[in-house]
Amino acid sequence: MEKHAEAQLSAIAMLRAKPHKSRFAQPIDFMRDEHMRQRALCGPPDDMAIAGRLDTDAVAAAFDFLNADFGLHVLDEEEYLFPLLRRQLPADEYLADVLDQLTAEHARDRDVAYSVVESLQKASKEQAPEPHVAMLQ
């Protein structure tokens, strides 16, 4: 299999992979895995743009991830992780600035997620599922 095709299949598999419940007992590992899934999201759209055609498996995996998992990930960080860090770590202006920056990035990420979903819907010949607005907010 061509290296490029193998990378595409690997990215799709990562996007579709759901964490095993045992991963929740290791929150740092869980968050690392979730961020790796976000990184995997970047490859297929670029590959499709370069190839000039849609990969229906990649489109489906991106829709599934953006419509469900991405929103939950952001919610977990905003509602649980960031407040916990603010409470547990010593008062540190730099840390507060970093967390504020990450919160602002999440707002931009939601806008980008909407844009990606809309673009893939427009480009797709098939009717793609509508984004779950509640999950992306």
N, C-alpha and C. Protein backbone atom coordinates (compact mmCIF):
# COMPACT_ATOMS: atom_id res chain seq x y z
N MET A 1 0.85 -1.17 0.00
CA MET A 1 0.00 0.00 0.00
C MET A 1 0.90 1.24 0.00
N GLU A 2 0.52 2.22 -0.79
CA GLU A 2 1.25 3.47 -0.88
C GLU A 2 1.27 4.16 0.49
N LYS A 3 2.37 4.81 0.81
CA LYS A 3 2.54 5.45 2.11
C LYS A 3 1.43 6.47 2.38
N HIS A 4 1.07 7.24 1.36
CA HIS A 4 0.02 8.26 1.48
C HIS A 4 -1.33 7.62 1.80
N ALA A 5 -1.65 6.56 1.12
CA ALA A 5 -2.92 5.86 1.36
C ALA A 5 -2.94 5.24 2.75
N GLU A 6 -1.81 4.72 3.17
CA GLU A 6 -1.73 4.13 4.50
C GLU A 6 -1.94 5.20 5.58
N ALA A 7 -1.37 6.37 5.37
CA ALA A 7 -1.55 7.46 6.33
C ALA A 7 -3.01 7.89 6.37
N GLN A 8 -3.65 7.92 5.23
CA GLN A 8 -5.08 8.28 5.16
C GLN A 8 -5.92 7.27 5.94
N LEU A 9 -5.67 6.00 5.73
CA LEU A 9 -6.43 4.97 6.45
C LEU A 9 -6.17 5.04 7.96
N SER A 10 -4.94 5.33 8.33
CA SER A 10 -4.60 5.46 9.74
C SER A 10 -5.34 6.64 10.37
N ALA A 11 -5.39 7.76 9.66
CA ALA A 11 -6.10 8.95 10.17
C ALA A 11 -7.58 8.66 10.34
N ILE A 12 -8.18 7.99 9.38
CA ILE A 12 -9.60 7.64 9.46
C ILE A 12 -9.85 6.71 10.64
N ALA A 13 -8.97 5.74 10.83
CA ALA A 13 -9.12 4.81 11.95
C ALA A 13 -9.01 5.55 13.29
N MET A 14 -8.08 6.49 13.38
CA MET A 14 -7.95 7.26 14.62
C MET A 14 -9.19 8.09 14.90
N LEU A 15 -9.75 8.69 13.86
CA LEU A 15 -10.96 9.50 14.05
C LEU A 15 -12.13 8.65 14.52
N ARG A 16 -12.20 7.44 14.03
CA ARG A 16 -13.33 6.56 14.39
C ARG A 16 -13.12 5.85 15.73
N ALA A 17 -11.89 5.79 16.19
CA ALA A 17 -11.59 5.06 17.42
C ALA A 17 -12.21 5.75 18.62
N LYS A 18 -12.92 5.00 19.41
CA LYS A 18 -13.48 5.51 20.66
C LYS A 18 -12.60 5.02 21.78
N PRO A 19 -12.34 5.87 22.77
CA PRO A 19 -11.47 5.43 23.85
C PRO A 19 -12.10 4.30 24.66
N HIS A 20 -11.27 3.36 25.03
CA HIS A 20 -11.73 2.28 25.91
C HIS A 20 -11.98 2.89 27.28
N LYS A 21 -12.98 2.40 27.97
CA LYS A 21 -13.34 2.98 29.27
C LYS A 21 -12.18 2.97 30.26
N SER A 22 -11.23 2.08 30.09
CA SER A 22 -10.07 2.05 30.99
C SER A 22 -9.22 3.31 30.85
N ARG A 23 -9.30 3.98 29.69
CA ARG A 23 -8.50 5.19 29.47
C ARG A 23 -8.95 6.34 30.37
N PHE A 24 -10.21 6.31 30.80
CA PHE A 24 -10.71 7.39 31.66
C PHE A 24 -10.00 7.40 33.01
N ALA A 25 -9.46 6.26 33.43
CA ALA A 25 -8.73 6.19 34.70
C ALA A 25 -7.35 6.83 34.58
N GLN A 26 -6.90 7.08 33.36
CA GLN A 26 -5.62 7.73 33.10
C GLN A 26 -5.88 9.03 32.33
N PRO A 27 -6.31 10.10 33.00
CA PRO A 27 -6.76 11.30 32.29
C PRO A 27 -5.72 11.94 31.39
N ILE A 28 -4.47 11.91 31.78
CA ILE A 28 -3.43 12.52 30.92
C ILE A 28 -3.31 11.72 29.62
N ASP A 29 -3.28 10.39 29.72
CA ASP A 29 -3.21 9.56 28.52
C ASP A 29 -4.46 9.74 27.67
N PHE A 30 -5.60 9.84 28.32
CA PHE A 30 -6.86 10.05 27.60
C PHE A 30 -6.81 11.36 26.81
N MET A 31 -6.38 12.44 27.46
CA MET A 31 -6.32 13.74 26.78
C MET A 31 -5.32 13.71 25.63
N ARG A 32 -4.19 13.03 25.83
CA ARG A 32 -3.20 12.91 24.75
C ARG A 32 -3.83 12.20 23.55
N ASP A 33 -4.53 11.10 23.82
CA ASP A 33 -5.19 10.36 22.74
C ASP A 33 -6.20 11.23 22.01
N GLU A 34 -6.96 12.01 22.76
CA GLU A 34 -7.96 12.89 22.14
C GLU A 34 -7.30 13.96 21.28
N HIS A 35 -6.19 14.49 21.73
CA HIS A 35 -5.49 15.49 20.91
C HIS A 35 -4.87 14.85 19.67
N MET A 36 -4.45 13.62 19.78
CA MET A 36 -3.94 12.91 18.59
C MET A 36 -5.07 12.71 17.57
N ARG A 37 -6.27 12.44 18.06
CA ARG A 37 -7.42 12.31 17.15
C ARG A 37 -7.69 13.63 16.46
N GLN A 38 -7.54 14.74 17.17
CA GLN A 38 -7.73 16.04 16.53
C GLN A 38 -6.69 16.27 15.45
N ARG A 39 -5.47 15.87 15.72
CA ARG A 39 -4.42 16.00 14.70
C ARG A 39 -4.75 15.15 13.48
N ALA A 40 -5.30 13.97 13.72
CA ALA A 40 -5.65 13.08 12.62
C ALA A 40 -6.72 13.69 11.73
N LEU A 41 -7.53 14.56 12.29
CA LEU A 41 -8.59 15.21 11.53
C LEU A 41 -8.02 16.10 10.43
N CYS A 42 -6.83 16.61 10.61
CA CYS A 42 -6.25 17.57 9.66
C CYS A 42 -5.82 16.92 8.35
N GLY A 43 -5.41 15.68 8.38
CA GLY A 43 -4.88 15.05 7.18
C GLY A 43 -5.88 14.80 6.07
N PRO A 44 -7.00 14.11 6.35
CA PRO A 44 -7.92 13.78 5.25
C PRO A 44 -8.45 14.97 4.45
N PRO A 45 -8.86 16.09 5.06
CA PRO A 45 -9.32 17.20 4.22
C PRO A 45 -8.23 17.74 3.30
N ASP A 46 -7.00 17.84 3.81
CA ASP A 46 -5.90 18.29 2.96
C ASP A 46 -5.68 17.32 1.81
N ASP A 47 -5.71 16.02 2.13
CA ASP A 47 -5.51 15.00 1.09
C ASP A 47 -6.59 15.09 0.02
N MET A 48 -7.84 15.31 0.45
CA MET A 48 -8.94 15.41 -0.52
C MET A 48 -8.79 16.65 -1.39
N ALA A 49 -8.36 17.75 -0.78
CA ALA A 49 -8.17 18.98 -1.54
C ALA A 49 -7.09 18.79 -2.60
N ILE A 50 -6.02 18.13 -2.22
CA ILE A 50 -4.92 17.89 -3.17
C ILE A 50 -5.37 16.94 -4.28
N ALA A 51 -6.10 15.88 -3.90
CA ALA A 51 -6.54 14.89 -4.88
C ALA A 51 -7.68 15.41 -5.75
N GLY A 52 -8.40 16.41 -5.28
CA GLY A 52 -9.52 16.95 -6.05
C GLY A 52 -10.74 16.06 -6.04
N ARG A 53 -10.84 15.17 -5.06
CA ARG A 53 -12.02 14.31 -4.95
C ARG A 53 -12.27 14.00 -3.49
N LEU A 54 -13.52 13.69 -3.20
CA LEU A 54 -13.89 13.35 -1.82
C LEU A 54 -13.68 11.87 -1.56
N ASP A 55 -13.22 11.58 -0.37
CA ASP A 55 -13.12 10.21 0.11
C ASP A 55 -14.29 10.06 1.07
N THR A 56 -15.28 9.26 0.70
CA THR A 56 -16.50 9.17 1.51
C THR A 56 -16.23 8.64 2.91
N ASP A 57 -15.25 7.75 3.07
CA ASP A 57 -14.90 7.26 4.41
C ASP A 57 -14.31 8.39 5.26
N ALA A 58 -13.45 9.19 4.65
CA ALA A 58 -12.84 10.31 5.38
C ALA A 58 -13.90 11.35 5.75
N VAL A 59 -14.81 11.62 4.82
CA VAL A 59 -15.89 12.59 5.10
C VAL A 59 -16.74 12.10 6.26
N ALA A 60 -17.13 10.84 6.23
CA ALA A 60 -17.96 10.28 7.30
C ALA A 60 -17.24 10.33 8.65
N ALA A 61 -15.95 9.98 8.65
CA ALA A 61 -15.19 10.01 9.90
C ALA A 61 -15.07 11.44 10.43
N ALA A 62 -14.84 12.39 9.54
CA ALA A 62 -14.73 13.80 9.97
C ALA A 62 -16.06 14.29 10.53
N PHE A 63 -17.18 13.98 9.84
CA PHE A 63 -18.49 14.38 10.35
C PHE A 63 -18.75 13.79 11.72
N ASP A 64 -18.49 12.51 11.87
CA ASP A 64 -18.73 11.85 13.16
C ASP A 64 -17.91 12.50 14.27
N PHE A 65 -16.64 12.72 13.99
CA PHE A 65 -15.77 13.31 15.00
C PHE A 65 -16.20 14.73 15.35
N LEU A 66 -16.43 15.56 14.33
CA LEU A 66 -16.79 16.95 14.59
C LEU A 66 -18.16 17.09 15.23
N ASN A 67 -19.08 16.23 14.87
CA ASN A 67 -20.44 16.34 15.38
C ASN A 67 -20.61 15.79 16.79
N ALA A 68 -19.73 14.95 17.23
CA ALA A 68 -19.92 14.34 18.55
C ALA A 68 -18.68 14.51 19.43
N ASP A 69 -17.61 13.91 19.05
CA ASP A 69 -16.43 13.83 19.92
C ASP A 69 -15.75 15.17 20.15
N PHE A 70 -15.64 15.98 19.13
CA PHE A 70 -14.94 17.26 19.29
C PHE A 70 -15.64 18.15 20.31
N GLY A 71 -16.94 18.26 20.21
CA GLY A 71 -17.70 19.09 21.15
C GLY A 71 -17.56 18.61 22.58
N LEU A 72 -17.58 17.31 22.77
CA LEU A 72 -17.42 16.75 24.11
C LEU A 72 -16.02 17.02 24.66
N HIS A 73 -15.04 16.93 23.79
CA HIS A 73 -13.66 17.20 24.20
C HIS A 73 -13.52 18.64 24.70
N VAL A 74 -14.03 19.58 23.92
CA VAL A 74 -13.96 20.99 24.31
C VAL A 74 -14.71 21.21 25.62
N LEU A 75 -15.88 20.63 25.73
CA LEU A 75 -16.67 20.76 26.95
C LEU A 75 -15.90 20.21 28.16
N ASP A 76 -15.29 19.05 28.01
CA ASP A 76 -14.50 18.47 29.10
C ASP A 76 -13.39 19.42 29.55
N GLU A 77 -12.69 19.99 28.60
CA GLU A 77 -11.61 20.90 28.97
C GLU A 77 -12.14 22.18 29.61
N GLU A 78 -13.18 22.76 29.01
CA GLU A 78 -13.70 24.03 29.50
C GLU A 78 -14.40 23.89 30.86
N GLU A 79 -15.16 22.83 31.04
CA GLU A 79 -15.97 22.69 32.25
C GLU A 79 -15.25 21.97 33.39
N TYR A 80 -14.27 21.14 33.06
CA TYR A 80 -13.63 20.33 34.10
C TYR A 80 -12.14 20.58 34.24
N LEU A 81 -11.39 20.41 33.14
CA LEU A 81 -9.94 20.48 33.24
C LEU A 81 -9.46 21.89 33.60
N PHE A 82 -9.87 22.90 32.85
CA PHE A 82 -9.36 24.24 33.09
C PHE A 82 -9.74 24.76 34.49
N PRO A 83 -10.99 24.61 34.93
CA PRO A 83 -11.29 25.04 36.31
C PRO A 83 -10.48 24.26 37.36
N LEU A 84 -10.28 22.97 37.13
CA LEU A 84 -9.49 22.18 38.06
C LEU A 84 -8.05 22.70 38.13
N LEU A 85 -7.47 22.98 36.99
CA LEU A 85 -6.11 23.53 36.97
C LEU A 85 -6.05 24.87 37.70
N ARG A 86 -7.04 25.70 37.48
CA ARG A 86 -7.07 27.01 38.15
C ARG A 86 -7.16 26.86 39.67
N ARG A 87 -7.91 25.86 40.14
CA ARG A 87 -8.07 25.66 41.58
C ARG A 87 -6.87 24.96 42.22
N GLN A 88 -6.29 24.01 41.52
CA GLN A 88 -5.27 23.15 42.13
C GLN A 88 -3.85 23.68 42.01
N LEU A 89 -3.57 24.45 41.00
CA LEU A 89 -2.21 24.94 40.81
C LEU A 89 -2.05 26.28 41.51
N PRO A 90 -0.84 26.58 41.94
CA PRO A 90 -0.62 27.87 42.60
C PRO A 90 -1.00 29.03 41.67
N ALA A 91 -1.42 30.11 42.28
CA ALA A 91 -1.77 31.29 41.49
C ALA A 91 -0.58 31.67 40.63
N ASP A 92 -0.82 31.69 39.36
CA ASP A 92 0.26 31.95 38.41
C ASP A 92 -0.36 32.70 37.24
N GLU A 93 0.08 33.92 37.04
CA GLU A 93 -0.48 34.75 35.97
C GLU A 93 -0.22 34.12 34.60
N TYR A 94 0.94 33.51 34.42
CA TYR A 94 1.26 32.87 33.14
C TYR A 94 0.28 31.74 32.86
N LEU A 95 0.02 30.88 33.85
CA LEU A 95 -0.92 29.78 33.68
C LEU A 95 -2.31 30.31 33.36
N ALA A 96 -2.73 31.33 34.07
CA ALA A 96 -4.04 31.93 33.81
C ALA A 96 -4.12 32.44 32.38
N ASP A 97 -3.05 33.07 31.89
CA ASP A 97 -3.02 33.57 30.51
C ASP A 97 -3.09 32.43 29.50
N VAL A 98 -2.37 31.34 29.79
CA VAL A 98 -2.39 30.17 28.89
C VAL A 98 -3.80 29.58 28.82
N LEU A 99 -4.44 29.42 29.97
CA LEU A 99 -5.80 28.86 29.98
C LEU A 99 -6.78 29.79 29.28
N ASP A 100 -6.62 31.10 29.46
CA ASP A 100 -7.47 32.06 28.75
C ASP A 100 -7.25 31.95 27.24
N GLN A 101 -6.00 31.78 26.84
CA GLN A 101 -5.68 31.63 25.41
C GLN A 101 -6.31 30.35 24.86
N LEU A 102 -6.22 29.26 25.61
CA LEU A 102 -6.82 28.00 25.16
C LEU A 102 -8.34 28.12 25.04
N THR A 103 -8.96 28.85 25.97
CA THR A 103 -10.41 29.08 25.89
C THR A 103 -10.75 29.86 24.63
N ALA A 104 -9.97 30.88 24.31
CA ALA A 104 -10.19 31.65 23.09
C ALA A 104 -9.98 30.78 21.85
N GLU A 105 -8.97 29.91 21.90
CA GLU A 105 -8.73 29.00 20.78
C GLU A 105 -9.90 28.04 20.59
N HIS A 106 -10.49 27.60 21.67
CA HIS A 106 -11.66 26.71 21.56
C HIS A 106 -12.80 27.41 20.84
N ALA A 107 -13.01 28.69 21.12
CA ALA A 107 -14.06 29.43 20.42
C ALA A 107 -13.78 29.48 18.92
N ARG A 108 -12.53 29.74 18.56
CA ARG A 108 -12.16 29.73 17.14
C ARG A 108 -12.27 28.33 16.54
N ASP A 109 -11.89 27.32 17.32
CA ASP A 109 -11.98 25.93 16.84
C ASP A 109 -13.43 25.56 16.52
N ARG A 110 -14.37 26.02 17.34
CA ARG A 110 -15.78 25.73 17.05
C ARG A 110 -16.19 26.35 15.72
N ASP A 111 -15.74 27.59 15.47
CA ASP A 111 -16.05 28.24 14.20
C ASP A 111 -15.44 27.47 13.03
N VAL A 112 -14.21 27.02 13.21
CA VAL A 112 -13.55 26.24 12.15
C VAL A 112 -14.28 24.92 11.94
N ALA A 113 -14.71 24.28 13.03
CA ALA A 113 -15.44 23.01 12.90
C ALA A 113 -16.71 23.21 12.09
N TYR A 114 -17.45 24.27 12.37
CA TYR A 114 -18.65 24.56 11.58
C TYR A 114 -18.30 24.76 10.11
N SER A 115 -17.24 25.51 9.86
CA SER A 115 -16.83 25.79 8.49
C SER A 115 -16.44 24.52 7.75
N VAL A 116 -15.69 23.64 8.42
CA VAL A 116 -15.28 22.38 7.80
C VAL A 116 -16.51 21.52 7.48
N VAL A 117 -17.42 21.41 8.44
CA VAL A 117 -18.62 20.61 8.22
C VAL A 117 -19.41 21.19 7.04
N GLU A 118 -19.61 22.50 7.02
CA GLU A 118 -20.35 23.13 5.93
C GLU A 118 -19.66 22.92 4.58
N SER A 119 -18.34 23.07 4.56
CA SER A 119 -17.59 22.89 3.30
C SER A 119 -17.69 21.46 2.79
N LEU A 120 -17.56 20.50 3.69
CA LEU A 120 -17.66 19.11 3.27
C LEU A 120 -19.08 18.78 2.80
N GLN A 121 -20.07 19.37 3.45
CA GLN A 121 -21.45 19.14 3.03
C GLN A 121 -21.67 19.68 1.62
N LYS A 122 -21.16 20.88 1.37
CA LYS A 122 -21.33 21.49 0.05
C LYS A 122 -20.61 20.70 -1.03
N ALA A 123 -19.42 20.20 -0.69
CA ALA A 123 -18.61 19.48 -1.66
C ALA A 123 -19.11 18.06 -1.91
N SER A 124 -19.79 17.53 -0.96
CA SER A 124 -20.22 16.13 -1.05
C SER A 124 -21.40 15.98 -1.99
N LYS A 125 -21.37 14.95 -2.79
CA LYS A 125 -22.50 14.66 -3.68
C LYS A 125 -23.64 14.03 -2.90
N GLU A 126 -23.29 13.36 -1.81
CA GLU A 126 -24.28 12.71 -0.96
C GLU A 126 -24.73 13.69 0.11
N GLN A 127 -25.91 13.48 0.62
CA GLN A 127 -26.41 14.30 1.72
C GLN A 127 -25.70 13.89 3.00
N ALA A 128 -24.95 14.80 3.57
CA ALA A 128 -24.22 14.51 4.81
C ALA A 128 -25.10 14.85 6.00
N PRO A 129 -24.84 14.22 7.13
CA PRO A 129 -25.63 14.54 8.32
C PRO A 129 -25.42 15.99 8.74
N GLU A 130 -26.45 16.61 9.28
CA GLU A 130 -26.35 17.97 9.78
C GLU A 130 -25.54 17.97 11.07
N PRO A 131 -24.76 19.05 11.29
CA PRO A 131 -24.02 19.09 12.55
C PRO A 131 -24.97 19.21 13.73
N HIS A 132 -24.62 18.58 14.81
CA HIS A 132 -25.40 18.68 16.04
C HIS A 132 -24.98 19.96 16.73
N VAL A 133 -25.79 21.01 16.59
CA VAL A 133 -25.44 22.33 17.08
C VAL A 133 -25.06 22.29 18.56
N ALA A 134 -25.79 21.57 19.35
CA ALA A 134 -25.51 21.53 20.79
C ALA A 134 -24.11 21.01 21.08
N MET A 135 -23.63 20.10 20.27
CA MET A 135 -22.32 19.49 20.53
C MET A 135 -21.19 20.44 20.15
N LEU A 136 -21.41 21.34 19.23
CA LEU A 136 -20.35 22.24 18.78
C LEU A 136 -20.35 23.56 19.54
N GLN A 137 -21.27 23.73 20.46
CA GLN A 137 -21.31 24.99 21.22
C GLN A 137 -20.59 24.86 22.51
